[in-house]
Amino acid sequence: MFVKSEFRVELQGLADRIREDPRLELTSFEIGSPLPEESLTEVEERLGADLPTSLRRLYRSLSHAKLLWRFRPDLDEQTRITVAEEFAKAVSRHNLYTTAGSIQILPLEDMLFDEEYALPSLELDEGEGEDEDEDEEQFDFDGHSYPEIEFERMLRPFDLVDGFYAMAFVVQPSNEEWKMMLLNDYWASYEESRVTYLDDYLEYVIATWGLVNARAELFGEYRGDRRAPLRFDPELAAARVPSVLSSST
């Protein structure tokens, strides 16, 4: 388990492991400079609330991050067979030679305020939604019941993953920690997610090589938000990493 303030170091370490494996290709890697304290304060003033300690810690170490990797398309036939067998049950196995692993952490202000990253159901043309049924469906979360449109406005994508999936915060300014949920179906669905917290999520991401399918397997559980948050478990993480990655090359 890494020290939570060292995610930047762990991300660099993951990039180095990928570069050292001749079967893998790091297709994109960047880590933004740390955010200064005044930038965090400005975000808090705009939000009207303090940021969670874990979120502050992360953005004081980096402003954004992106890491994409894939299996090399020119692998020999036997290696491709081994990869196919080990990822036989993987949700995203068809993407292994385009994007197998993906970490795309948004800049803080984009994550919280940029409507480009609002859920698709919130992207209405002007005038739409004025005649919506007053008896709108409710979504129960964390002991409260919210109109779905209100709850969707609380969801802010944080890690864009691969376009189909995104990991999002449930922004509840009154809470010291914000829970996280997996969005699927091109970010339009949030009912199939186990919740977690930021520090646990970051540890899972590093431990599972940023694999897209690992996140789907860890957090893709129907109404998993009704269960206790998923805390980091190194054995559970290791079980999501095929031996083709975890074994020496």
Protein backbone atom coordinates (compact mmCIF):
# COMPACT_ATOMS: atom_id res chain seq x y z
CA MET A 1 0.00 0.00 0.00
CA PHE A 2 1.50 3.34 -0.96
CA VAL A 3 1.50 6.51 1.10
CA LYS A 4 -1.54 8.42 -0.08
CA SER A 5 0.38 11.62 -0.77
CA GLU A 6 2.60 9.78 -3.27
CA PHE A 7 0.12 9.01 -6.06
CA ARG A 8 2.20 11.07 -8.47
CA VAL A 9 5.22 8.87 -7.71
CA GLU A 10 3.18 5.69 -8.06
CA LEU A 11 1.77 6.83 -11.39
CA GLN A 12 5.28 7.47 -12.67
CA GLY A 13 6.27 4.03 -11.42
CA LEU A 14 3.40 2.44 -13.32
CA ALA A 15 4.46 4.22 -16.50
CA ASP A 16 8.00 2.90 -16.00
CA ARG A 17 6.76 -0.69 -15.54
CA ILE A 18 4.77 -0.45 -18.76
CA ARG A 19 7.77 0.93 -20.69
CA GLU A 20 9.95 -1.92 -19.42
CA ASP A 21 7.58 -4.64 -20.63
CA PRO A 22 8.32 -5.45 -24.30
CA ARG A 23 4.75 -6.66 -24.82
CA LEU A 24 3.23 -3.32 -23.82
CA GLU A 25 3.17 0.15 -25.32
CA LEU A 26 2.66 3.38 -23.38
CA THR A 27 0.68 5.46 -25.87
CA SER A 28 0.16 8.58 -23.76
CA PHE A 29 1.58 9.80 -20.48
CA GLU A 30 1.53 13.18 -18.78
CA ILE A 31 1.34 14.50 -15.23
CA GLY A 32 0.41 18.14 -14.66
CA SER A 33 2.22 20.43 -12.27
CA PRO A 34 0.89 20.66 -8.69
CA LEU A 35 -1.86 23.20 -8.03
CA PRO A 36 -0.81 26.09 -5.79
CA GLU A 37 -2.72 26.72 -2.58
CA GLU A 38 -4.35 29.87 -3.94
CA SER A 39 -5.90 27.90 -6.82
CA LEU A 40 -7.42 25.42 -4.38
CA THR A 41 -8.76 28.27 -2.27
CA GLU A 42 -10.35 29.90 -5.33
CA VAL A 43 -12.09 26.61 -6.20
CA GLU A 44 -13.40 26.32 -2.65
CA GLU A 45 -14.75 29.87 -2.78
CA ARG A 46 -16.51 29.14 -6.06
CA LEU A 47 -17.87 25.85 -4.70
CA GLY A 48 -18.94 27.48 -1.44
CA ALA A 49 -17.44 24.66 0.62
CA ASP A 50 -14.15 23.11 1.62
CA LEU A 51 -12.74 20.39 -0.59
CA PRO A 52 -12.26 16.95 0.95
CA THR A 53 -8.78 16.50 2.40
CA SER A 54 -7.98 13.63 0.04
CA LEU A 55 -8.95 15.68 -3.01
CA ARG A 56 -6.85 18.62 -1.85
CA ARG A 57 -3.90 16.28 -1.30
CA LEU A 58 -4.17 14.86 -4.80
CA TYR A 59 -4.39 18.19 -6.61
CA ARG A 60 -1.54 19.62 -4.54
CA SER A 61 0.57 16.91 -6.16
CA LEU A 62 -0.73 17.20 -9.74
CA SER A 63 -3.17 19.33 -11.71
CA HIS A 64 -4.23 16.51 -14.04
CA ALA A 65 -2.92 13.18 -15.27
CA LYS A 66 -3.20 10.91 -18.28
CA LEU A 67 -1.82 7.43 -18.80
CA LEU A 68 -2.88 5.17 -21.67
CA TRP A 69 -1.33 1.86 -22.61
CA ARG A 70 -2.06 -1.14 -24.81
CA PHE A 71 -0.69 -4.50 -25.79
CA ARG A 72 1.49 -4.11 -28.86
CA PRO A 73 -0.47 -4.98 -32.03
CA ASP A 74 2.56 -6.76 -33.51
CA LEU A 75 2.88 -9.41 -30.78
CA ASP A 76 3.73 -12.89 -31.94
CA GLU A 77 0.89 -15.36 -32.32
CA GLN A 78 1.64 -17.39 -29.17
CA THR A 79 1.72 -14.27 -27.00
CA ARG A 80 -1.56 -13.08 -28.50
CA ILE A 81 -3.11 -16.46 -27.68
CA THR A 82 -1.87 -16.20 -24.07
CA VAL A 83 -3.25 -12.68 -23.74
CA ALA A 84 -6.60 -13.72 -25.20
CA GLU A 85 -6.86 -16.66 -22.81
CA GLU A 86 -6.02 -14.63 -19.73
CA PHE A 87 -8.43 -11.85 -20.64
CA ALA A 88 -11.15 -14.24 -21.82
CA LYS A 89 -13.66 -12.86 -19.32
CA ALA A 90 -12.52 -9.28 -19.48
CA VAL A 91 -15.19 -6.69 -20.23
CA SER A 92 -12.92 -4.74 -22.59
CA ARG A 93 -10.81 -7.49 -24.14
CA HIS A 94 -11.65 -6.22 -27.62
CA ASN A 95 -9.77 -3.02 -26.72
CA LEU A 96 -6.55 -4.64 -25.51
CA TYR A 97 -4.65 -3.62 -28.66
CA THR A 98 -6.08 -0.10 -28.71
CA THR A 99 -6.49 0.78 -25.02
CA ALA A 100 -6.07 -1.83 -22.31
CA GLY A 101 -5.28 0.57 -19.47
CA SER A 102 -6.49 4.12 -19.03
CA ILE A 103 -6.21 6.78 -16.32
CA GLN A 104 -7.46 10.24 -17.29
CA ILE A 105 -7.81 12.53 -14.28
CA LEU A 106 -9.43 15.84 -15.10
CA PRO A 107 -8.23 19.25 -13.92
CA LEU A 108 -10.04 20.22 -10.73
CA GLU A 109 -12.05 23.13 -12.15
CA ASP A 110 -13.08 21.11 -15.20
CA MET A 111 -14.19 18.25 -12.98
CA LEU A 112 -16.33 20.47 -10.75
CA PHE A 113 -17.63 23.19 -13.03
CA ASP A 114 -17.22 22.49 -16.76
CA GLU A 115 -20.58 21.47 -18.24
CA GLU A 116 -18.76 19.61 -21.00
CA TYR A 117 -18.45 16.84 -18.44
CA ALA A 118 -22.05 16.86 -17.25
CA LEU A 119 -23.93 13.59 -17.61
CA PRO A 120 -25.44 13.13 -21.10
CA SER A 121 -28.99 13.29 -19.73
CA LEU A 122 -28.28 16.84 -18.51
CA GLU A 123 -27.18 18.09 -21.92
CA LEU A 124 -30.55 19.54 -22.94
CA ASP A 125 -31.12 22.05 -25.67
CA GLU A 126 -32.52 25.38 -24.55
CA GLY A 127 -36.20 25.02 -23.72
CA GLU A 128 -36.10 21.25 -23.31
CA GLY A 129 -37.33 19.75 -20.10
CA GLU A 130 -39.79 22.52 -19.25
CA ASP A 131 -42.77 20.15 -19.36
CA GLU A 132 -41.16 17.31 -17.45
CA ASP A 133 -43.41 15.27 -15.21
CA GLU A 134 -43.52 16.82 -11.76
CA ASP A 135 -43.57 13.30 -10.31
CA GLU A 136 -40.02 12.64 -11.43
CA GLU A 137 -38.46 9.36 -10.40
CA GLN A 138 -36.33 9.40 -7.27
CA PHE A 139 -32.90 7.92 -6.64
CA ASP A 140 -32.02 6.86 -3.12
CA PHE A 141 -28.41 7.40 -2.14
CA ASP A 142 -26.57 7.48 1.16
CA GLY A 143 -29.78 7.56 3.20
CA HIS A 144 -31.43 10.30 1.16
CA SER A 145 -33.88 10.33 -1.73
CA TYR A 146 -33.15 12.73 -4.59
CA PRO A 147 -35.04 13.59 -7.76
CA GLU A 148 -32.96 11.93 -10.48
CA ILE A 149 -32.15 15.22 -12.18
CA GLU A 150 -30.85 16.61 -8.87
CA PHE A 151 -28.72 13.56 -8.21
CA GLU A 152 -27.28 13.64 -11.70
CA ARG A 153 -26.16 17.21 -11.13
CA MET A 154 -24.23 15.99 -8.10
CA LEU A 155 -22.23 13.54 -10.24
CA ARG A 156 -19.01 14.95 -11.61
CA PRO A 157 -16.71 12.72 -13.74
CA PHE A 158 -13.18 12.65 -12.34
CA ASP A 159 -11.39 9.85 -14.22
CA LEU A 160 -12.66 9.62 -17.80
CA VAL A 161 -11.37 6.04 -18.24
CA ASP A 162 -12.41 5.09 -21.81
CA GLY A 163 -15.50 7.07 -22.81
CA PHE A 164 -17.90 4.24 -21.96
CA TYR A 165 -16.84 4.28 -18.31
CA ALA A 166 -15.95 7.16 -16.03
CA MET A 167 -15.36 7.32 -12.31
CA ALA A 168 -17.28 10.21 -10.80
CA PHE A 169 -17.58 12.00 -7.49
CA VAL A 170 -20.93 12.43 -5.82
CA VAL A 171 -20.36 16.05 -4.82
CA GLN A 172 -21.94 16.59 -1.41
CA PRO A 173 -20.27 19.72 -0.02
CA SER A 174 -21.58 19.03 3.48
CA ASN A 175 -19.65 15.73 3.63
CA GLU A 176 -16.01 15.53 4.71
CA GLU A 177 -15.41 12.78 2.13
CA TRP A 178 -17.14 12.48 -1.22
CA LYS A 179 -18.10 9.03 -2.38
CA MET A 180 -17.24 7.87 -5.88
CA MET A 181 -19.32 5.91 -8.38
CA LEU A 182 -18.64 4.19 -11.69
CA LEU A 183 -20.61 5.61 -14.61
CA ASN A 184 -21.22 3.27 -17.53
CA ASP A 185 -23.21 3.24 -20.77
CA TYR A 186 -21.27 6.27 -22.02
CA TRP A 187 -21.62 7.94 -18.58
CA ALA A 188 -25.42 7.80 -18.76
CA SER A 189 -25.98 5.10 -16.09
CA TYR A 190 -25.02 5.15 -12.42
CA GLU A 191 -27.15 2.34 -10.97
CA GLU A 192 -24.47 -0.32 -11.48
CA SER A 193 -21.76 0.84 -9.15
CA ARG A 194 -20.17 -0.07 -5.86
CA VAL A 195 -19.07 3.14 -4.16
CA THR A 196 -15.61 3.90 -2.85
CA TYR A 197 -13.47 6.81 -1.69
CA LEU A 198 -10.72 8.64 -3.54
CA ASP A 199 -7.69 7.24 -1.72
CA ASP A 200 -8.98 3.67 -2.10
CA TYR A 201 -9.79 4.26 -5.75
CA LEU A 202 -6.31 5.57 -6.54
CA GLU A 203 -4.73 2.55 -4.86
CA TYR A 204 -6.92 0.19 -6.91
CA VAL A 205 -6.00 2.01 -10.11
CA ILE A 206 -2.28 1.64 -9.52
CA ALA A 207 -2.50 -1.95 -8.25
CA THR A 208 -4.50 -3.04 -11.32
CA TRP A 209 -2.27 -1.29 -13.90
CA GLY A 210 -5.10 1.09 -14.81
CA LEU A 211 -6.88 -1.77 -16.58
CA VAL A 212 -10.28 -0.70 -17.84
CA ASN A 213 -11.80 -4.13 -17.30
CA ALA A 214 -10.48 -4.25 -13.71
CA ARG A 215 -12.43 -1.13 -12.81
CA ALA A 216 -15.57 -2.57 -14.38
CA GLU A 217 -15.11 -5.78 -12.39
CA LEU A 218 -14.35 -4.03 -9.10
CA PHE A 219 -17.05 -1.38 -9.16
CA GLY A 220 -19.66 -2.62 -11.67
CA GLU A 221 -22.28 -3.98 -9.28
CA TYR A 222 -26.01 -3.27 -9.61
CA ARG A 223 -27.04 -0.95 -6.78
CA GLY A 224 -23.69 -1.55 -5.16
CA ASP A 225 -24.09 1.92 -3.64
CA ARG A 226 -26.42 0.31 -1.09
CA ARG A 227 -23.48 -1.67 0.29
CA ALA A 228 -20.61 -0.36 2.38
CA PRO A 229 -17.97 1.54 0.40
CA LEU A 230 -15.30 -0.68 -1.15
CA ARG A 231 -12.03 -0.04 0.68
CA PHE A 232 -8.69 -1.00 -0.80
CA ASP A 233 -7.92 -4.71 -0.53
CA PRO A 234 -4.57 -5.72 -2.08
CA GLU A 235 -5.69 -9.33 -2.56
CA LEU A 236 -8.86 -8.25 -4.32
CA ALA A 237 -6.83 -5.95 -6.56
CA ALA A 238 -4.27 -8.65 -7.35
CA ALA A 239 -7.05 -11.04 -8.35
CA ARG A 240 -8.05 -8.59 -11.11
CA VAL A 241 -4.58 -8.58 -12.73
CA PRO A 242 -3.93 -11.47 -15.17
CA SER A 243 -0.65 -13.29 -14.66
CA VAL A 244 0.49 -12.12 -18.09
CA LEU A 245 1.03 -8.75 -16.36
CA SER A 246 1.85 -9.76 -12.81
CA SER A 247 4.47 -12.36 -13.77
CA SER A 248 8.01 -11.44 -14.72
CA THR A 249 8.80 -11.08 -18.43
